Amino acid sequence: MAFKKAFGQTVRELKREVNKFRLPEIEIKVQEATSNEPWGPHGSLMTEIADATVDPNELQLIMGVLQKRLLDTGKNWRHVYKSMTVMEFLVANGSPQAVESVISFLSQLMARKFMTPCFSFSQFLINHPRF
């Protein structure tokens, strides 16, 4: 059992290293911030992501990863939680385009009834002083 767990962890680490060669740097940063590890995303990493939202191409890559992670289920529940954490950080610290992207995506989710109406992040968006 211990061997299987250690082997699985080694395979995940190897997979992460291989992905670094074929994915854009910003996607890797977003994946690190929304990883399934038991700790939250680091503030400096989220700041780098928020700073990258000024570039429309980077913003598109960031939102693509966040949207994919937000729709995870089951054992990947941390992806969802950390995606919401990063989105909240982007609303507070990202570019105006990032704020619009987050609001648009969450509105689409709520319209499709993926989320309940009492979803607390939507209340954050409604009551956020930036609006």
Protein backbone atom coordinates (compact mmCIF):
# COMPACT_ATOMS: atom_id res chain seq x y z
CA MET A 1 0.00 0.00 0.00
CA ALA A 2 2.80 2.43 0.91
CA PHE A 3 4.60 1.57 -2.34
CA LYS A 4 1.47 2.28 -4.37
CA LYS A 5 1.00 5.67 -2.69
CA ALA A 6 4.69 6.62 -3.16
CA PHE A 7 4.59 5.47 -6.79
CA GLY A 8 1.43 7.50 -7.45
CA GLN A 9 3.01 10.58 -5.94
CA THR A 10 6.15 10.11 -8.06
CA VAL A 11 4.05 9.76 -11.21
CA ARG A 12 2.19 13.00 -10.39
CA GLU A 13 5.46 14.85 -9.83
CA LEU A 14 6.84 13.52 -13.12
CA LYS A 15 3.66 14.55 -14.93
CA ARG A 16 3.95 18.10 -13.52
CA GLU A 17 7.54 18.35 -14.73
CA VAL A 18 6.63 17.18 -18.24
CA ASN A 19 3.74 19.67 -18.40
CA LYS A 20 6.16 22.51 -17.64
CA PHE A 21 7.74 21.99 -21.06
CA ARG A 22 4.54 22.10 -23.07
CA LEU A 23 2.27 24.53 -21.22
CA PRO A 24 2.52 28.32 -21.06
CA GLU A 25 4.07 29.59 -17.83
CA ILE A 26 0.88 31.32 -16.68
CA GLU A 27 -1.14 28.10 -17.01
CA ILE A 28 1.41 26.31 -14.85
CA LYS A 29 1.11 29.05 -12.23
CA VAL A 30 -2.68 28.80 -12.19
CA GLN A 31 -2.48 25.01 -11.91
CA GLU A 32 -0.05 25.36 -8.99
CA ALA A 33 -2.38 27.87 -7.30
CA THR A 34 -5.35 25.51 -7.73
CA SER A 35 -3.55 22.25 -7.01
CA ASN A 36 -5.04 19.45 -4.95
CA GLU A 37 -2.44 19.93 -2.21
CA PRO A 38 -3.81 20.49 1.31
CA TRP A 39 -2.52 24.08 1.60
CA GLY A 40 -3.93 27.21 0.01
CA PRO A 41 -2.46 29.16 -2.90
CA HIS A 42 0.49 31.37 -2.00
CA GLY A 43 -0.14 35.12 -2.02
CA SER A 44 2.82 35.90 -4.26
CA LEU A 45 1.63 33.34 -6.80
CA MET A 46 -1.86 34.85 -6.84
CA THR A 47 -0.32 38.32 -7.24
CA GLU A 48 1.64 37.13 -10.28
CA ILE A 49 -1.57 35.71 -11.74
CA ALA A 50 -3.47 38.94 -11.05
CA ASP A 51 -0.69 41.01 -12.66
CA ALA A 52 -0.83 38.81 -15.77
CA THR A 53 -4.53 39.60 -16.31
CA VAL A 54 -3.55 42.88 -18.00
CA ASP A 55 -2.60 40.90 -21.12
CA PRO A 56 -5.79 39.64 -22.86
CA ASN A 57 -4.08 36.45 -24.08
CA GLU A 58 -2.84 35.61 -20.60
CA LEU A 59 -6.27 36.40 -19.14
CA GLN A 60 -7.85 33.94 -21.56
CA LEU A 61 -5.40 31.22 -20.48
CA ILE A 62 -5.96 31.99 -16.79
CA MET A 63 -9.74 31.88 -17.08
CA GLY A 64 -9.58 28.67 -19.12
CA VAL A 65 -7.73 26.86 -16.34
CA LEU A 66 -9.93 28.35 -13.61
CA GLN A 67 -13.12 27.41 -15.45
CA LYS A 68 -11.93 23.85 -15.98
CA ARG A 69 -10.90 23.49 -12.34
CA LEU A 70 -14.12 25.03 -11.09
CA LEU A 71 -16.13 22.26 -12.75
CA ASP A 72 -14.14 19.43 -11.09
CA THR A 73 -15.96 17.13 -8.68
CA GLY A 74 -15.34 14.37 -6.18
CA LYS A 75 -11.84 13.94 -4.86
CA ASN A 76 -10.73 17.13 -6.65
CA TRP A 77 -12.90 19.36 -4.49
CA ARG A 78 -9.80 21.44 -3.62
CA HIS A 79 -9.56 22.49 -7.28
CA VAL A 80 -13.01 24.05 -6.96
CA TYR A 81 -12.26 25.72 -3.63
CA LYS A 82 -8.91 27.10 -4.75
CA SER A 83 -10.34 28.29 -8.08
CA MET A 84 -12.88 30.30 -6.14
CA THR A 85 -10.09 31.68 -3.96
CA VAL A 86 -8.10 32.76 -7.01
CA MET A 87 -11.20 34.25 -8.66
CA GLU A 88 -11.95 36.24 -5.52
CA PHE A 89 -8.35 37.51 -5.54
CA LEU A 90 -8.68 38.47 -9.22
CA VAL A 91 -11.84 40.45 -8.51
CA ALA A 92 -10.03 42.37 -5.78
CA ASN A 93 -6.61 42.74 -7.46
CA GLY A 94 -6.85 41.88 -11.15
CA SER A 95 -7.47 44.03 -14.19
CA PRO A 96 -10.97 45.33 -14.96
CA GLN A 97 -11.16 42.75 -17.76
CA ALA A 98 -10.44 40.00 -15.22
CA VAL A 99 -13.31 41.22 -13.05
CA GLU A 100 -15.63 41.18 -16.05
CA SER A 101 -14.47 37.67 -17.01
CA VAL A 102 -15.06 36.32 -13.51
CA ILE A 103 -18.52 37.90 -13.27
CA SER A 104 -19.47 36.68 -16.73
CA PHE A 105 -18.37 33.13 -16.04
CA LEU A 106 -20.09 32.93 -12.66
CA SER A 107 -23.27 34.38 -14.15
CA GLN A 108 -23.22 31.68 -16.82
CA LEU A 109 -22.76 29.01 -14.18
CA MET A 110 -25.63 30.30 -12.10
CA ALA A 111 -27.85 30.57 -15.17
CA ARG A 112 -27.17 26.90 -15.91
CA LYS A 113 -28.00 26.08 -12.29
CA PHE A 114 -24.60 24.59 -11.55
CA MET A 115 -24.58 26.73 -8.43
CA THR A 116 -27.30 27.44 -5.90
CA PRO A 117 -28.75 30.96 -5.62
CA CYS A 118 -27.32 31.29 -2.12
CA PHE A 119 -23.78 30.87 -3.42
CA SER A 120 -21.73 33.20 -1.19
CA PHE A 121 -19.25 34.25 -3.88
CA SER A 122 -22.07 35.86 -5.86
CA GLN A 123 -22.93 37.92 -2.78
CA PHE A 124 -19.28 38.96 -2.62
CA LEU A 125 -19.47 40.16 -6.23
CA ILE A 126 -22.69 42.05 -5.62
CA ASN A 127 -21.41 43.75 -2.45
CA HIS A 128 -17.81 44.31 -3.58
CA PRO A 129 -16.80 47.99 -3.20
CA ARG A 130 -15.15 48.00 -6.63
CA PHE A 131 -18.54 48.08 -8.33
